[in-house]
Amino acid sequence: MAHGSRDETADIRESRKFVKDAPWRVLVELDSDRGLLDRADWIARDCLDFFRNVNLLRL
């Protein structure tokens, strides 16, 4: 899960609570706003890495 640290709509504490009780959940706090548009490259790379790690993508 990615959450912008400058998100003024959704409180980042809610995301922290969401991942706290499930060890398979991961929160990455990005220096960004709600849209995360300035982090699109990071999000794309992270998604591709995830799909490779679970053998859903071979590149």
C-alpha atoms as a PDB file:
ATOM      1  CA  MET A   1       0.000   0.000   0.000  1.00  0.00           C
ATOM      2  CA  ALA A   2       1.308   3.436  -0.898  1.00  0.00           C
ATOM      3  CA  HIS A   3       0.146   6.562   0.891  1.00  0.00           C
ATOM      4  CA  GLY A   4       1.191  10.141   0.293  1.00  0.00           C
ATOM      5  CA  SER A   5       2.521  11.761   3.449  1.00  0.00           C
ATOM      6  CA  ARG A   6       1.018  15.080   2.315  1.00  0.00           C
ATOM      7  CA  ASP A   7      -2.448  13.604   1.670  1.00  0.00           C
ATOM      8  CA  GLU A   8      -4.941  16.088   3.121  1.00  0.00           C
ATOM      9  CA  THR A   9      -7.989  13.871   2.507  1.00  0.00           C
ATOM     10  CA  ALA A  10      -7.146  10.484   4.026  1.00  0.00           C
ATOM     11  CA  ASP A  11      -5.305  10.435   7.334  1.00  0.00           C
ATOM     12  CA  ILE A  12      -2.109   8.391   7.036  1.00  0.00           C
ATOM     13  CA  ARG A  13      -2.742   7.025  10.533  1.00  0.00           C
ATOM     14  CA  GLU A  14      -5.625   4.985   9.084  1.00  0.00           C
ATOM     15  CA  SER A  15      -3.256   3.329   6.613  1.00  0.00           C
ATOM     16  CA  ARG A  16      -0.794   2.631   9.413  1.00  0.00           C
ATOM     17  CA  LYS A  17      -3.569   0.950  11.406  1.00  0.00           C
ATOM     18  CA  PHE A  18      -4.669  -1.055   8.351  1.00  0.00           C
ATOM     19  CA  VAL A  19      -1.254  -2.668   7.844  1.00  0.00           C
ATOM     20  CA  LYS A  20      -0.453  -3.097  11.534  1.00  0.00           C
ATOM     21  CA  ASP A  21      -2.538  -6.224  12.129  1.00  0.00           C
ATOM     22  CA  ALA A  22      -1.528  -8.180   9.042  1.00  0.00           C
ATOM     23  CA  PRO A  23       2.143  -9.016   8.476  1.00  0.00           C
ATOM     24  CA  TRP A  24       1.625  -9.530   4.740  1.00  0.00           C
ATOM     25  CA  ARG A  25       0.499  -5.913   4.329  1.00  0.00           C
ATOM     26  CA  VAL A  26       3.176  -3.324   3.646  1.00  0.00           C
ATOM     27  CA  LEU A  27       2.795   0.438   3.815  1.00  0.00           C
ATOM     28  CA  VAL A  28       5.138   2.718   1.923  1.00  0.00           C
ATOM     29  CA  GLU A  29       4.811   6.350   2.924  1.00  0.00           C
ATOM     30  CA  LEU A  30       5.738   8.501  -0.042  1.00  0.00           C
ATOM     31  CA  ASP A  31       6.557  12.204   0.052  1.00  0.00           C
ATOM     32  CA  SER A  32       3.591  13.085  -2.131  1.00  0.00           C
ATOM     33  CA  ASP A  33       0.015  14.299  -2.078  1.00  0.00           C
ATOM     34  CA  ARG A  34      -3.168  12.250  -2.436  1.00  0.00           C
ATOM     35  CA  GLY A  35      -2.846  11.673  -6.178  1.00  0.00           C
ATOM     36  CA  LEU A  36       0.698  10.252  -6.028  1.00  0.00           C
ATOM     37  CA  LEU A  37       1.097  11.395  -9.644  1.00  0.00           C
ATOM     38  CA  ASP A  38       4.642  12.574  -8.991  1.00  0.00           C
ATOM     39  CA  ARG A  39       5.435   9.011  -7.864  1.00  0.00           C
ATOM     40  CA  ALA A  40       3.950   7.195 -10.866  1.00  0.00           C
ATOM     41  CA  ASP A  41       7.347   5.799 -11.927  1.00  0.00           C
ATOM     42  CA  TRP A  42       7.960   4.334  -8.469  1.00  0.00           C
ATOM     43  CA  ILE A  43       4.446   2.848  -8.375  1.00  0.00           C
ATOM     44  CA  ALA A  44       4.882   1.240 -11.803  1.00  0.00           C
ATOM     45  CA  ARG A  45       8.261  -0.276 -10.833  1.00  0.00           C
ATOM     46  CA  ASP A  46       6.900  -1.535  -7.521  1.00  0.00           C
ATOM     47  CA  CYS A  47       3.910  -3.167  -9.239  1.00  0.00           C
ATOM     48  CA  LEU A  48       6.134  -4.860 -11.811  1.00  0.00           C
ATOM     49  CA  ASP A  49       8.457  -6.118  -9.060  1.00  0.00           C
ATOM     50  CA  PHE A  50       5.476  -7.520  -7.154  1.00  0.00           C
ATOM     51  CA  PHE A  51       4.089  -9.315 -10.217  1.00  0.00           C
ATOM     52  CA  ARG A  52       7.527 -10.795 -10.940  1.00  0.00           C
ATOM     53  CA  ASN A  53       7.917 -11.958  -7.333  1.00  0.00           C
ATOM     54  CA  VAL A  54       4.614 -13.845  -7.411  1.00  0.00           C
ATOM     55  CA  ASN A  55       5.363 -15.275 -10.865  1.00  0.00           C
ATOM     56  CA  LEU A  56       2.603 -13.394 -12.660  1.00  0.00           C
ATOM     57  CA  LEU A  57       5.004 -11.601 -14.973  1.00  0.00           C
ATOM     58  CA  ARG A  58       8.177 -12.609 -16.739  1.00  0.00           C
ATOM     59  CA  LEU A  59      10.216  -9.826 -18.317  1.00  0.00           C
END
